[in-house]
Amino acid sequence: MTGDEIVLGALPKGITPAGEGVEKKVWNVLGHTYYMKAASGTSFAFETYDPPGTGVPPHVHPRQDEHIYVLEGVFTLYLDGAWETAGPGETVRMPKGLPHAYYNRGEAPTRGLFWVSPAGRLAELFDGLHNLQDPDEVVRLAALHDVDFLPAGSVEGA
């Protein structure tokens, strides 16, 4: 990886320090902070910091499996038609094609380690979403990067 460009290839060895991203790569996406933890052609990992009241609406990754390891707080999750919660130490599994969403509906921030496999174009998407404030533009760009948001209002409680 060089500068602001993310080059996916073999997974490089190393340690990503706490509170940092690989190559200091950090994104602000609609109130969430994402820290890139690892990136290769086969997987992509990032830590999230989610203030109370934030969330990612229902969407689908048609080509990627996604996981969340909850570090702090409680995530409220939509998983294929059901609402669930996951707290510290729990792992959430979201196979490709599964409609899912996550929210922080608590009073304290949440943190989670997310990873997707294969990496796809998610890091490139985050580059495009960094500091973007228009949710409609987020949905448009996401669709160009293999993340399909469900229509607003199609999931009760989202």
N, C-alpha and C. Protein backbone atom coordinates (compact mmCIF):
# COMPACT_ATOMS: atom_id res chain seq x y z
N MET A 1 0.84 -1.17 0.00
CA MET A 1 0.00 0.00 0.00
C MET A 1 0.88 1.24 0.00
N THR A 2 0.50 2.20 -0.79
CA THR A 2 1.27 3.43 -0.87
C THR A 2 0.33 4.61 -0.76
N GLY A 3 0.68 5.60 0.05
CA GLY A 3 -0.11 6.81 0.17
C GLY A 3 -1.56 6.53 0.47
N ASP A 4 -2.44 7.12 -0.33
CA ASP A 4 -3.87 6.95 -0.13
C ASP A 4 -4.44 5.78 -0.90
N GLU A 5 -3.65 5.12 -1.71
CA GLU A 5 -4.12 4.03 -2.55
C GLU A 5 -4.04 2.70 -1.80
N ILE A 6 -5.08 1.90 -1.91
CA ILE A 6 -5.08 0.57 -1.31
C ILE A 6 -4.84 -0.43 -2.42
N VAL A 7 -3.77 -1.17 -2.32
CA VAL A 7 -3.44 -2.17 -3.32
C VAL A 7 -3.66 -3.53 -2.69
N LEU A 8 -4.60 -4.30 -3.23
CA LEU A 8 -4.90 -5.60 -2.67
C LEU A 8 -4.06 -6.67 -3.33
N GLY A 9 -3.47 -7.51 -2.54
CA GLY A 9 -2.67 -8.64 -3.01
C GLY A 9 -2.65 -9.65 -1.88
N ALA A 10 -1.50 -10.25 -1.65
CA ALA A 10 -1.35 -11.18 -0.54
C ALA A 10 -1.48 -10.41 0.77
N LEU A 11 -1.98 -11.09 1.80
CA LEU A 11 -2.12 -10.47 3.12
C LEU A 11 -0.73 -10.22 3.69
N PRO A 12 -0.38 -8.95 3.98
CA PRO A 12 0.94 -8.69 4.54
C PRO A 12 0.98 -9.06 6.01
N LYS A 13 2.13 -9.53 6.47
CA LYS A 13 2.29 -9.85 7.89
C LYS A 13 2.42 -8.54 8.66
N GLY A 14 2.21 -8.60 9.95
CA GLY A 14 2.42 -7.43 10.78
C GLY A 14 1.36 -7.27 11.84
N ILE A 15 1.48 -6.19 12.58
CA ILE A 15 0.58 -5.87 13.69
C ILE A 15 0.02 -4.47 13.44
N THR A 16 -1.28 -4.34 13.55
CA THR A 16 -1.91 -3.03 13.45
C THR A 16 -2.18 -2.57 14.88
N PRO A 17 -1.57 -1.47 15.32
CA PRO A 17 -1.75 -1.01 16.71
C PRO A 17 -3.20 -0.66 17.03
N ALA A 18 -3.54 -0.80 18.31
CA ALA A 18 -4.87 -0.42 18.78
C ALA A 18 -5.12 1.05 18.48
N GLY A 19 -6.34 1.37 18.08
CA GLY A 19 -6.72 2.74 17.82
C GLY A 19 -6.15 3.32 16.53
N GLU A 20 -5.60 2.45 15.68
CA GLU A 20 -5.05 2.92 14.41
C GLU A 20 -5.53 2.02 13.29
N GLY A 21 -5.34 2.48 12.07
CA GLY A 21 -5.60 1.68 10.90
C GLY A 21 -4.30 1.37 10.19
N VAL A 22 -4.30 0.33 9.36
CA VAL A 22 -3.13 0.01 8.56
C VAL A 22 -2.80 1.24 7.72
N GLU A 23 -1.53 1.60 7.66
CA GLU A 23 -1.11 2.79 6.92
C GLU A 23 -1.90 4.03 7.38
N LYS A 24 -2.33 4.00 8.65
CA LYS A 24 -3.10 5.12 9.25
C LYS A 24 -4.40 5.37 8.50
N LYS A 25 -4.93 4.34 7.80
CA LYS A 25 -6.15 4.48 7.00
C LYS A 25 -7.37 4.50 7.91
N VAL A 26 -8.06 5.65 7.96
CA VAL A 26 -9.24 5.84 8.80
C VAL A 26 -10.28 6.56 7.96
N TRP A 27 -11.53 6.09 8.06
CA TRP A 27 -12.62 6.70 7.31
C TRP A 27 -13.70 7.21 8.26
N ASN A 28 -14.34 8.33 7.92
CA ASN A 28 -15.52 8.83 8.60
C ASN A 28 -16.68 8.62 7.64
N VAL A 29 -17.62 7.75 8.02
CA VAL A 29 -18.75 7.42 7.15
C VAL A 29 -20.05 7.67 7.93
N LEU A 30 -20.70 8.79 7.64
CA LEU A 30 -21.99 9.15 8.23
C LEU A 30 -22.02 8.96 9.75
N GLY A 31 -21.00 9.49 10.43
CA GLY A 31 -20.96 9.45 11.88
C GLY A 31 -20.22 8.29 12.48
N HIS A 32 -19.87 7.30 11.67
CA HIS A 32 -19.08 6.16 12.14
C HIS A 32 -17.61 6.42 11.81
N THR A 33 -16.72 5.88 12.63
CA THR A 33 -15.30 5.92 12.31
C THR A 33 -14.85 4.49 12.04
N TYR A 34 -14.23 4.28 10.89
CA TYR A 34 -13.74 2.95 10.48
C TYR A 34 -12.22 3.00 10.40
N TYR A 35 -11.56 2.04 11.04
CA TYR A 35 -10.11 1.92 11.03
C TYR A 35 -9.75 0.65 10.26
N MET A 36 -9.03 0.77 9.15
CA MET A 36 -8.64 -0.41 8.40
C MET A 36 -7.62 -1.22 9.22
N LYS A 37 -7.91 -2.48 9.45
CA LYS A 37 -7.03 -3.34 10.23
C LYS A 37 -6.22 -4.29 9.36
N ALA A 38 -6.77 -4.73 8.24
CA ALA A 38 -6.05 -5.62 7.32
C ALA A 38 -6.75 -5.58 5.97
N ALA A 39 -5.96 -5.68 4.90
CA ALA A 39 -6.54 -5.69 3.56
C ALA A 39 -5.71 -6.56 2.66
N SER A 40 -6.39 -7.45 1.96
CA SER A 40 -5.75 -8.29 0.95
C SER A 40 -6.81 -8.64 -0.08
N GLY A 41 -6.43 -9.38 -1.09
CA GLY A 41 -7.41 -9.80 -2.08
C GLY A 41 -8.43 -10.78 -1.53
N THR A 42 -8.08 -11.47 -0.44
CA THR A 42 -8.97 -12.50 0.10
C THR A 42 -9.79 -12.05 1.30
N SER A 43 -9.36 -11.00 2.00
CA SER A 43 -10.13 -10.54 3.14
C SER A 43 -9.86 -9.06 3.43
N PHE A 44 -10.80 -8.45 4.12
CA PHE A 44 -10.70 -7.04 4.48
C PHE A 44 -11.26 -6.92 5.88
N ALA A 45 -10.50 -6.30 6.80
CA ALA A 45 -10.94 -6.15 8.18
C ALA A 45 -10.86 -4.69 8.59
N PHE A 46 -11.85 -4.26 9.37
CA PHE A 46 -11.87 -2.89 9.87
C PHE A 46 -12.56 -2.85 11.22
N GLU A 47 -12.11 -1.94 12.06
CA GLU A 47 -12.73 -1.72 13.36
C GLU A 47 -13.67 -0.53 13.23
N THR A 48 -14.81 -0.61 13.89
CA THR A 48 -15.74 0.52 13.87
C THR A 48 -15.86 1.13 15.26
N TYR A 49 -16.10 2.42 15.27
CA TYR A 49 -16.49 3.16 16.46
C TYR A 49 -17.81 3.80 16.09
N ASP A 50 -18.87 3.42 16.81
CA ASP A 50 -20.23 3.84 16.46
C ASP A 50 -20.86 4.59 17.62
N PRO A 51 -21.00 5.91 17.53
CA PRO A 51 -21.66 6.66 18.59
C PRO A 51 -23.13 6.24 18.73
N PRO A 52 -23.73 6.50 19.89
CA PRO A 52 -25.15 6.20 20.06
C PRO A 52 -25.99 6.85 18.96
N GLY A 53 -26.99 6.14 18.50
CA GLY A 53 -27.90 6.67 17.49
C GLY A 53 -27.44 6.48 16.06
N THR A 54 -26.30 5.83 15.84
CA THR A 54 -25.83 5.60 14.48
C THR A 54 -26.14 4.17 14.06
N GLY A 55 -26.06 3.93 12.76
CA GLY A 55 -26.29 2.59 12.25
C GLY A 55 -26.10 2.52 10.76
N VAL A 56 -26.10 1.31 10.25
CA VAL A 56 -26.02 1.06 8.81
C VAL A 56 -27.31 0.34 8.43
N PRO A 57 -28.16 0.96 7.60
CA PRO A 57 -29.47 0.39 7.25
C PRO A 57 -29.35 -0.94 6.52
N PRO A 58 -30.47 -1.65 6.38
CA PRO A 58 -30.46 -2.97 5.74
C PRO A 58 -29.84 -2.94 4.34
N HIS A 59 -28.95 -3.90 4.13
CA HIS A 59 -28.24 -4.02 2.86
C HIS A 59 -27.80 -5.46 2.66
N VAL A 60 -27.27 -5.73 1.47
CA VAL A 60 -26.83 -7.08 1.10
C VAL A 60 -25.46 -6.96 0.44
N HIS A 61 -24.59 -7.90 0.78
CA HIS A 61 -23.32 -8.09 0.05
C HIS A 61 -23.51 -9.34 -0.81
N PRO A 62 -23.75 -9.20 -2.10
CA PRO A 62 -24.02 -10.39 -2.92
C PRO A 62 -22.81 -11.29 -3.14
N ARG A 63 -21.60 -10.79 -2.89
CA ARG A 63 -20.40 -11.59 -3.18
C ARG A 63 -19.48 -11.78 -1.98
N GLN A 64 -19.88 -11.32 -0.79
CA GLN A 64 -19.00 -11.37 0.37
C GLN A 64 -19.71 -11.92 1.59
N ASP A 65 -18.99 -12.75 2.34
CA ASP A 65 -19.41 -13.11 3.69
C ASP A 65 -18.88 -12.02 4.61
N GLU A 66 -19.66 -11.67 5.64
CA GLU A 66 -19.25 -10.63 6.59
C GLU A 66 -19.42 -11.15 8.01
N HIS A 67 -18.51 -10.73 8.88
CA HIS A 67 -18.55 -11.10 10.30
C HIS A 67 -18.33 -9.85 11.14
N ILE A 68 -18.87 -9.88 12.35
CA ILE A 68 -18.60 -8.82 13.33
C ILE A 68 -18.21 -9.51 14.63
N TYR A 69 -17.08 -9.12 15.20
CA TYR A 69 -16.73 -9.52 16.56
C TYR A 69 -16.94 -8.28 17.42
N VAL A 70 -17.89 -8.35 18.35
CA VAL A 70 -18.26 -7.19 19.16
C VAL A 70 -17.21 -6.97 20.25
N LEU A 71 -16.64 -5.78 20.26
CA LEU A 71 -15.62 -5.42 21.24
C LEU A 71 -16.21 -4.70 22.45
N GLU A 72 -17.10 -3.74 22.20
CA GLU A 72 -17.72 -2.95 23.28
C GLU A 72 -19.15 -2.61 22.91
N GLY A 73 -20.00 -2.52 23.91
CA GLY A 73 -21.37 -2.10 23.70
C GLY A 73 -22.23 -3.23 23.14
N VAL A 74 -23.43 -2.85 22.73
CA VAL A 74 -24.39 -3.82 22.20
C VAL A 74 -24.87 -3.34 20.85
N PHE A 75 -24.74 -4.20 19.85
CA PHE A 75 -25.25 -3.91 18.52
C PHE A 75 -26.67 -4.47 18.42
N THR A 76 -27.58 -3.68 17.85
CA THR A 76 -28.89 -4.18 17.46
C THR A 76 -28.78 -4.51 15.98
N LEU A 77 -29.11 -5.76 15.65
CA LEU A 77 -28.87 -6.28 14.31
C LEU A 77 -30.14 -6.77 13.65
N TYR A 78 -30.25 -6.48 12.38
CA TYR A 78 -31.29 -7.07 11.54
C TYR A 78 -30.60 -8.16 10.75
N LEU A 79 -31.07 -9.40 10.91
CA LEU A 79 -30.47 -10.54 10.22
C LEU A 79 -31.56 -11.33 9.51
N ASP A 80 -31.71 -11.07 8.21
CA ASP A 80 -32.61 -11.86 7.37
C ASP A 80 -34.02 -11.98 7.94
N GLY A 81 -34.60 -10.83 8.33
CA GLY A 81 -35.99 -10.83 8.78
C GLY A 81 -36.18 -10.84 10.28
N ALA A 82 -35.13 -10.96 11.07
CA ALA A 82 -35.25 -11.00 12.52
C ALA A 82 -34.35 -9.95 13.16
N TRP A 83 -34.81 -9.38 14.28
CA TRP A 83 -34.01 -8.44 15.05
C TRP A 83 -33.35 -9.18 16.20
N GLU A 84 -32.06 -8.93 16.41
CA GLU A 84 -31.27 -9.60 17.45
C GLU A 84 -30.33 -8.58 18.07
N THR A 85 -29.69 -8.94 19.17
CA THR A 85 -28.63 -8.11 19.75
C THR A 85 -27.39 -8.97 19.95
N ALA A 86 -26.24 -8.31 19.91
CA ALA A 86 -24.97 -8.98 20.17
C ALA A 86 -24.10 -8.05 21.00
N GLY A 87 -23.45 -8.63 22.03
CA GLY A 87 -22.62 -7.85 22.93
C GLY A 87 -21.17 -8.31 22.92
N PRO A 88 -20.37 -7.74 23.79
CA PRO A 88 -18.93 -8.01 23.81
C PRO A 88 -18.60 -9.50 23.83
N GLY A 89 -17.67 -9.88 22.96
CA GLY A 89 -17.23 -11.26 22.86
C GLY A 89 -18.04 -12.12 21.92
N GLU A 90 -19.16 -11.60 21.43
CA GLU A 90 -19.99 -12.38 20.51
C GLU A 90 -19.60 -12.10 19.06
N THR A 91 -19.76 -13.11 18.21
CA THR A 91 -19.46 -13.00 16.79
C THR A 91 -20.74 -13.13 16.00
N VAL A 92 -20.95 -12.19 15.08
CA VAL A 92 -22.12 -12.19 14.21
C VAL A 92 -21.67 -12.68 12.84
N ARG A 93 -22.39 -13.63 12.26
CA ARG A 93 -22.06 -14.18 10.94
C ARG A 93 -23.16 -13.80 9.95
N MET A 94 -22.74 -13.20 8.84
CA MET A 94 -23.69 -12.74 7.83
C MET A 94 -23.23 -13.26 6.47
N PRO A 95 -23.73 -14.41 6.05
CA PRO A 95 -23.30 -14.97 4.76
C PRO A 95 -23.71 -14.07 3.59
N LYS A 96 -22.96 -14.18 2.50
CA LYS A 96 -23.28 -13.37 1.32
C LYS A 96 -24.73 -13.60 0.94
N GLY A 97 -25.37 -12.52 0.49
CA GLY A 97 -26.76 -12.59 0.08
C GLY A 97 -27.76 -12.39 1.20
N LEU A 98 -27.32 -12.37 2.46
CA LEU A 98 -28.22 -12.24 3.62
C LEU A 98 -28.50 -10.76 3.89
N PRO A 99 -29.76 -10.31 3.83
CA PRO A 99 -30.05 -8.93 4.21
C PRO A 99 -29.71 -8.70 5.68
N HIS A 100 -28.97 -7.63 5.96
CA HIS A 100 -28.56 -7.35 7.33
C HIS A 100 -28.37 -5.86 7.55
N ALA A 101 -28.37 -5.47 8.83
CA ALA A 101 -28.15 -4.09 9.23
C ALA A 101 -27.60 -4.12 10.64
N TYR A 102 -26.96 -3.01 11.05
CA TYR A 102 -26.57 -2.90 12.46
C TYR A 102 -26.74 -1.47 12.93
N TYR A 103 -27.09 -1.36 14.22
CA TYR A 103 -27.34 -0.07 14.83
C TYR A 103 -26.78 -0.05 16.25
N ASN A 104 -26.42 1.14 16.71
CA ASN A 104 -26.12 1.35 18.12
C ASN A 104 -27.31 2.09 18.69
N ARG A 105 -28.19 1.37 19.36
CA ARG A 105 -29.38 1.97 19.94
C ARG A 105 -29.24 2.17 21.44
N GLY A 106 -28.00 1.99 21.93
CA GLY A 106 -27.73 2.18 23.35
C GLY A 106 -27.32 3.61 23.66
N GLU A 107 -26.86 3.82 24.90
CA GLU A 107 -26.45 5.15 25.33
C GLU A 107 -24.94 5.33 25.35
N ALA A 108 -24.19 4.27 25.05
CA ALA A 108 -22.73 4.33 25.01
C ALA A 108 -22.25 3.94 23.61
N PRO A 109 -21.06 4.38 23.25
CA PRO A 109 -20.52 3.99 21.94
C PRO A 109 -20.33 2.47 21.84
N THR A 110 -20.36 1.97 20.62
CA THR A 110 -20.05 0.57 20.37
C THR A 110 -18.79 0.50 19.51
N ARG A 111 -18.10 -0.62 19.64
CA ARG A 111 -16.93 -0.90 18.79
C ARG A 111 -17.01 -2.35 18.36
N GLY A 112 -16.66 -2.60 17.12
CA GLY A 112 -16.65 -3.96 16.61
C GLY A 112 -15.54 -4.15 15.60
N LEU A 113 -15.08 -5.38 15.50
CA LEU A 113 -14.13 -5.75 14.46
C LEU A 113 -14.94 -6.45 13.38
N PHE A 114 -14.96 -5.86 12.19
CA PHE A 114 -15.69 -6.39 11.04
C PHE A 114 -14.67 -6.98 10.08
N TRP A 115 -15.05 -8.05 9.41
CA TRP A 115 -14.22 -8.53 8.30
C TRP A 115 -15.11 -9.15 7.25
N VAL A 116 -14.67 -9.00 6.01
CA VAL A 116 -15.39 -9.54 4.86
C VAL A 116 -14.43 -10.39 4.04
N SER A 117 -15.00 -11.39 3.39
CA SER A 117 -14.21 -12.27 2.53
C SER A 117 -15.08 -12.71 1.36
N PRO A 118 -14.57 -12.56 0.13
CA PRO A 118 -13.34 -11.89 -0.27
C PRO A 118 -13.45 -10.38 -0.04
N ALA A 119 -12.33 -9.69 -0.18
CA ALA A 119 -12.29 -8.26 0.11
C ALA A 119 -13.21 -7.45 -0.81
N GLY A 120 -13.31 -7.87 -2.04
CA GLY A 120 -14.14 -7.12 -2.99
C GLY A 120 -13.66 -5.68 -3.11
N ARG A 121 -14.61 -4.77 -3.21
CA ARG A 121 -14.30 -3.36 -3.43
C ARG A 121 -14.69 -2.50 -2.23
N LEU A 122 -14.76 -3.12 -1.05
CA LEU A 122 -15.23 -2.40 0.13
C LEU A 122 -14.28 -1.28 0.56
N ALA A 123 -12.97 -1.52 0.54
CA ALA A 123 -12.02 -0.46 0.91
C ALA A 123 -12.13 0.71 -0.07
N GLU A 124 -12.27 0.41 -1.34
CA GLU A 124 -12.45 1.45 -2.35
C GLU A 124 -13.73 2.23 -2.09
N LEU A 125 -14.79 1.52 -1.71
CA LEU A 125 -16.06 2.19 -1.37
C LEU A 125 -15.86 3.14 -0.20
N PHE A 126 -15.19 2.67 0.86
CA PHE A 126 -14.98 3.53 2.03
C PHE A 126 -14.20 4.78 1.65
N ASP A 127 -13.23 4.65 0.73
CA ASP A 127 -12.51 5.84 0.26
C ASP A 127 -13.51 6.84 -0.33
N GLY A 128 -14.46 6.36 -1.12
CA GLY A 128 -15.44 7.24 -1.75
C GLY A 128 -16.45 7.82 -0.78
N LEU A 129 -16.70 7.10 0.32
CA LEU A 129 -17.69 7.56 1.30
C LEU A 129 -17.10 8.47 2.37
N HIS A 130 -15.78 8.49 2.49
CA HIS A 130 -15.13 9.27 3.55
C HIS A 130 -15.61 10.72 3.53
N ASN A 131 -16.17 11.14 4.67
CA ASN A 131 -16.67 12.51 4.90
C ASN A 131 -17.86 12.90 4.02
N LEU A 132 -18.45 11.95 3.32
CA LEU A 132 -19.64 12.22 2.52
C LEU A 132 -20.84 12.37 3.47
N GLN A 133 -21.69 13.35 3.24
CA GLN A 133 -22.82 13.62 4.14
C GLN A 133 -24.19 13.31 3.53
N ASP A 134 -24.25 12.94 2.27
CA ASP A 134 -25.52 12.72 1.58
C ASP A 134 -25.86 11.23 1.55
N PRO A 135 -26.86 10.78 2.34
CA PRO A 135 -27.20 9.35 2.36
C PRO A 135 -27.59 8.78 0.99
N ASP A 136 -28.24 9.58 0.15
CA ASP A 136 -28.60 9.09 -1.19
C ASP A 136 -27.36 8.81 -2.03
N GLU A 137 -26.34 9.63 -1.88
CA GLU A 137 -25.09 9.41 -2.61
C GLU A 137 -24.36 8.19 -2.06
N VAL A 138 -24.47 7.96 -0.76
CA VAL A 138 -23.89 6.75 -0.15
C VAL A 138 -24.52 5.51 -0.79
N VAL A 139 -25.83 5.49 -0.91
CA VAL A 139 -26.53 4.35 -1.50
C VAL A 139 -26.12 4.17 -2.96
N ARG A 140 -26.01 5.26 -3.70
CA ARG A 140 -25.62 5.18 -5.11
C ARG A 140 -24.21 4.62 -5.27
N LEU A 141 -23.26 5.15 -4.50
CA LEU A 141 -21.88 4.68 -4.60
C LEU A 141 -21.76 3.23 -4.13
N ALA A 142 -22.50 2.88 -3.08
CA ALA A 142 -22.45 1.50 -2.58
C ALA A 142 -22.86 0.52 -3.66
N ALA A 143 -23.90 0.83 -4.41
CA ALA A 143 -24.36 -0.08 -5.47
C ALA A 143 -23.30 -0.30 -6.53
N LEU A 144 -22.44 0.69 -6.74
CA LEU A 144 -21.35 0.55 -7.72
C LEU A 144 -20.20 -0.31 -7.19
N HIS A 145 -20.25 -0.62 -5.88
CA HIS A 145 -19.18 -1.38 -5.22
C HIS A 145 -19.71 -2.67 -4.58
N ASP A 146 -20.77 -3.23 -5.15
CA ASP A 146 -21.31 -4.52 -4.71
C ASP A 146 -21.88 -4.52 -3.29
N VAL A 147 -22.50 -3.41 -2.90
CA VAL A 147 -23.25 -3.34 -1.65
C VAL A 147 -24.61 -2.76 -2.02
N ASP A 148 -25.65 -3.55 -1.84
CA ASP A 148 -26.99 -3.16 -2.28
C ASP A 148 -27.89 -2.87 -1.07
N PHE A 149 -28.26 -1.59 -0.90
CA PHE A 149 -29.15 -1.22 0.19
C PHE A 149 -30.59 -1.54 -0.17
N LEU A 150 -31.35 -2.04 0.80
CA LEU A 150 -32.77 -2.30 0.59
C LEU A 150 -33.50 -0.94 0.54
N PRO A 151 -34.63 -0.87 -0.14
CA PRO A 151 -35.37 0.40 -0.21
C PRO A 151 -35.74 0.90 1.19
N ALA A 152 -35.64 2.21 1.39
CA ALA A 152 -36.03 2.81 2.67
C ALA A 152 -37.46 2.42 3.00
N GLY A 153 -37.70 2.07 4.25
CA GLY A 153 -39.02 1.69 4.70
C GLY A 153 -39.41 0.25 4.45
N SER A 154 -38.55 -0.53 3.80
CA SER A 154 -38.89 -1.92 3.48
C SER A 154 -38.68 -2.88 4.66
N VAL A 155 -37.98 -2.43 5.70
CA VAL A 155 -37.75 -3.27 6.88
C VAL A 155 -38.31 -2.54 8.09
N GLU A 156 -39.31 -3.12 8.71
CA GLU A 156 -39.92 -2.51 9.89
C GLU A 156 -38.90 -2.43 11.01
N GLY A 157 -38.77 -1.25 11.62
CA GLY A 157 -37.84 -1.05 12.71
C GLY A 157 -36.47 -0.56 12.31
N ALA A 158 -36.23 -0.47 11.00
CA ALA A 158 -34.90 -0.03 10.53
C ALA A 158 -34.82 1.49 10.49
